[in-house]
Amino acid sequence: EEIAAAEEANAPVASLQMETGDGFTLESVLGDGGMEEAVVEREALRTAVASLPDRERQVIVLRYFRGLTQDRTARSMGVSQVQISRVEKKAMEYLRRRLEE
């Protein structure tokens, strides 16, 4: 039992920033609300993101689900960081409106 406890104590700690299989972080999934509330919020967010135009959806996925900076997102999409900033701002405003409905 002591050996098993020691091995378990030595196991790596899961980071709250670790992504789950569906692109969310543990931190975003865990919260002070109940499990049902988290599921409803996640589905609402997924639906809202899916309703974005392709370019805006790609920026949101790269920035918030893949953790890229605006600069890296811009380079991967072949545009300037300023363009990414504008697209991201527009997409975030749209998502806020959709999620407040």
Protein backbone atom coordinates (compact mmCIF):
# COMPACT_ATOMS: atom_id res chain seq x y z
CA GLU A 1 0.00 0.00 0.00
CA GLU A 2 2.84 2.39 0.82
CA ILE A 3 4.51 1.73 -2.54
CA ALA A 4 1.23 2.36 -4.40
CA ALA A 5 0.67 5.57 -2.43
CA ALA A 6 4.22 6.73 -3.18
CA GLU A 7 3.82 6.01 -6.90
CA GLU A 8 0.52 7.87 -6.99
CA ALA A 9 2.08 10.83 -5.18
CA ASN A 10 4.81 10.91 -7.84
CA ALA A 11 2.34 10.91 -10.74
CA PRO A 12 2.31 14.07 -12.87
CA VAL A 13 -0.30 16.64 -11.93
CA ALA A 14 -2.92 17.47 -14.55
CA SER A 15 -2.72 21.11 -15.58
CA LEU A 16 -5.88 23.18 -15.63
CA GLN A 17 -4.67 24.46 -19.01
CA MET A 18 -4.55 20.91 -20.47
CA GLU A 19 -6.97 20.53 -23.37
CA THR A 20 -9.73 17.96 -23.26
CA GLY A 21 -10.57 15.91 -26.35
CA ASP A 22 -13.02 18.52 -27.65
CA GLY A 23 -10.59 21.45 -27.52
CA PHE A 24 -11.65 22.91 -24.17
CA THR A 25 -9.28 23.29 -21.22
CA LEU A 26 -9.94 21.63 -17.88
CA GLU A 27 -10.17 25.11 -16.37
CA SER A 28 -13.00 26.08 -18.72
CA VAL A 29 -14.88 22.83 -18.09
CA LEU A 30 -14.50 22.88 -14.31
CA GLY A 31 -16.39 25.65 -12.64
CA ASP A 32 -18.53 26.61 -9.74
CA GLY A 33 -21.74 25.61 -11.52
CA GLY A 34 -23.13 22.12 -11.82
CA MET A 35 -22.16 19.62 -14.50
CA GLU A 36 -25.44 20.20 -16.34
CA GLU A 37 -24.81 23.94 -16.51
CA ALA A 38 -21.33 23.36 -17.93
CA VAL A 39 -22.73 21.05 -20.61
CA VAL A 40 -25.39 23.58 -21.58
CA GLU A 41 -22.83 26.40 -21.72
CA ARG A 42 -20.40 24.32 -23.77
CA GLU A 43 -23.10 23.38 -26.28
CA ALA A 44 -24.27 27.00 -26.53
CA LEU A 45 -20.70 28.10 -27.19
CA ARG A 46 -20.15 25.32 -29.73
CA THR A 47 -23.34 26.31 -31.58
CA ALA A 48 -22.42 30.00 -31.53
CA VAL A 49 -18.89 29.34 -32.81
CA ALA A 50 -20.24 27.04 -35.53
CA SER A 51 -22.54 29.83 -36.73
CA LEU A 52 -19.63 32.22 -37.36
CA PRO A 53 -18.46 32.83 -40.92
CA ASP A 54 -15.50 30.59 -41.85
CA ARG A 55 -12.75 33.20 -41.42
CA GLU A 56 -14.03 34.40 -38.04
CA ARG A 57 -14.51 30.81 -36.83
CA GLN A 58 -10.96 29.93 -37.87
CA VAL A 59 -9.56 32.91 -35.94
CA ILE A 60 -11.52 31.99 -32.79
CA VAL A 61 -10.47 28.35 -32.99
CA LEU A 62 -6.80 29.21 -33.45
CA ARG A 63 -6.79 31.88 -30.75
CA TYR A 64 -8.96 30.31 -28.03
CA PHE A 65 -8.95 26.59 -28.66
CA ARG A 66 -5.41 26.18 -29.98
CA GLY A 67 -3.87 28.98 -27.87
CA LEU A 68 -2.08 30.80 -30.69
CA THR A 69 -1.15 34.46 -30.33
CA GLN A 70 -2.58 37.01 -32.72
CA ASP A 71 0.80 37.17 -34.43
CA ARG A 72 1.06 33.39 -34.92
CA THR A 73 -2.58 33.25 -36.05
CA ALA A 74 -1.87 36.01 -38.58
CA ARG A 75 1.17 34.20 -39.94
CA SER A 76 -0.70 30.91 -40.26
CA MET A 77 -3.54 32.64 -42.13
CA GLY A 78 -1.26 34.83 -44.27
CA VAL A 79 -2.64 38.17 -43.03
CA SER A 80 -1.47 40.92 -40.66
CA GLN A 81 -1.85 40.87 -36.88
CA VAL A 82 -4.04 43.98 -37.15
CA GLN A 83 -6.45 42.11 -39.42
CA ILE A 84 -6.62 39.24 -36.93
CA SER A 85 -7.32 41.72 -34.14
CA ARG A 86 -10.24 43.22 -36.08
CA VAL A 87 -11.69 39.85 -37.09
CA GLU A 88 -11.34 38.55 -33.53
CA LYS A 89 -13.04 41.63 -32.05
CA LYS A 90 -15.95 41.31 -34.48
CA ALA A 91 -16.29 37.58 -33.79
CA MET A 92 -16.19 38.07 -30.02
CA GLU A 93 -18.90 40.73 -30.18
CA TYR A 94 -21.06 38.36 -32.23
CA LEU A 95 -20.47 35.48 -29.78
CA ARG A 96 -21.36 37.68 -26.79
CA ARG A 97 -24.63 38.69 -28.44
CA ARG A 98 -25.48 35.08 -29.34
CA LEU A 99 -24.72 33.80 -25.85
CA GLU A 100 -26.79 36.53 -24.17
CA GLU A 101 -29.93 35.50 -26.10
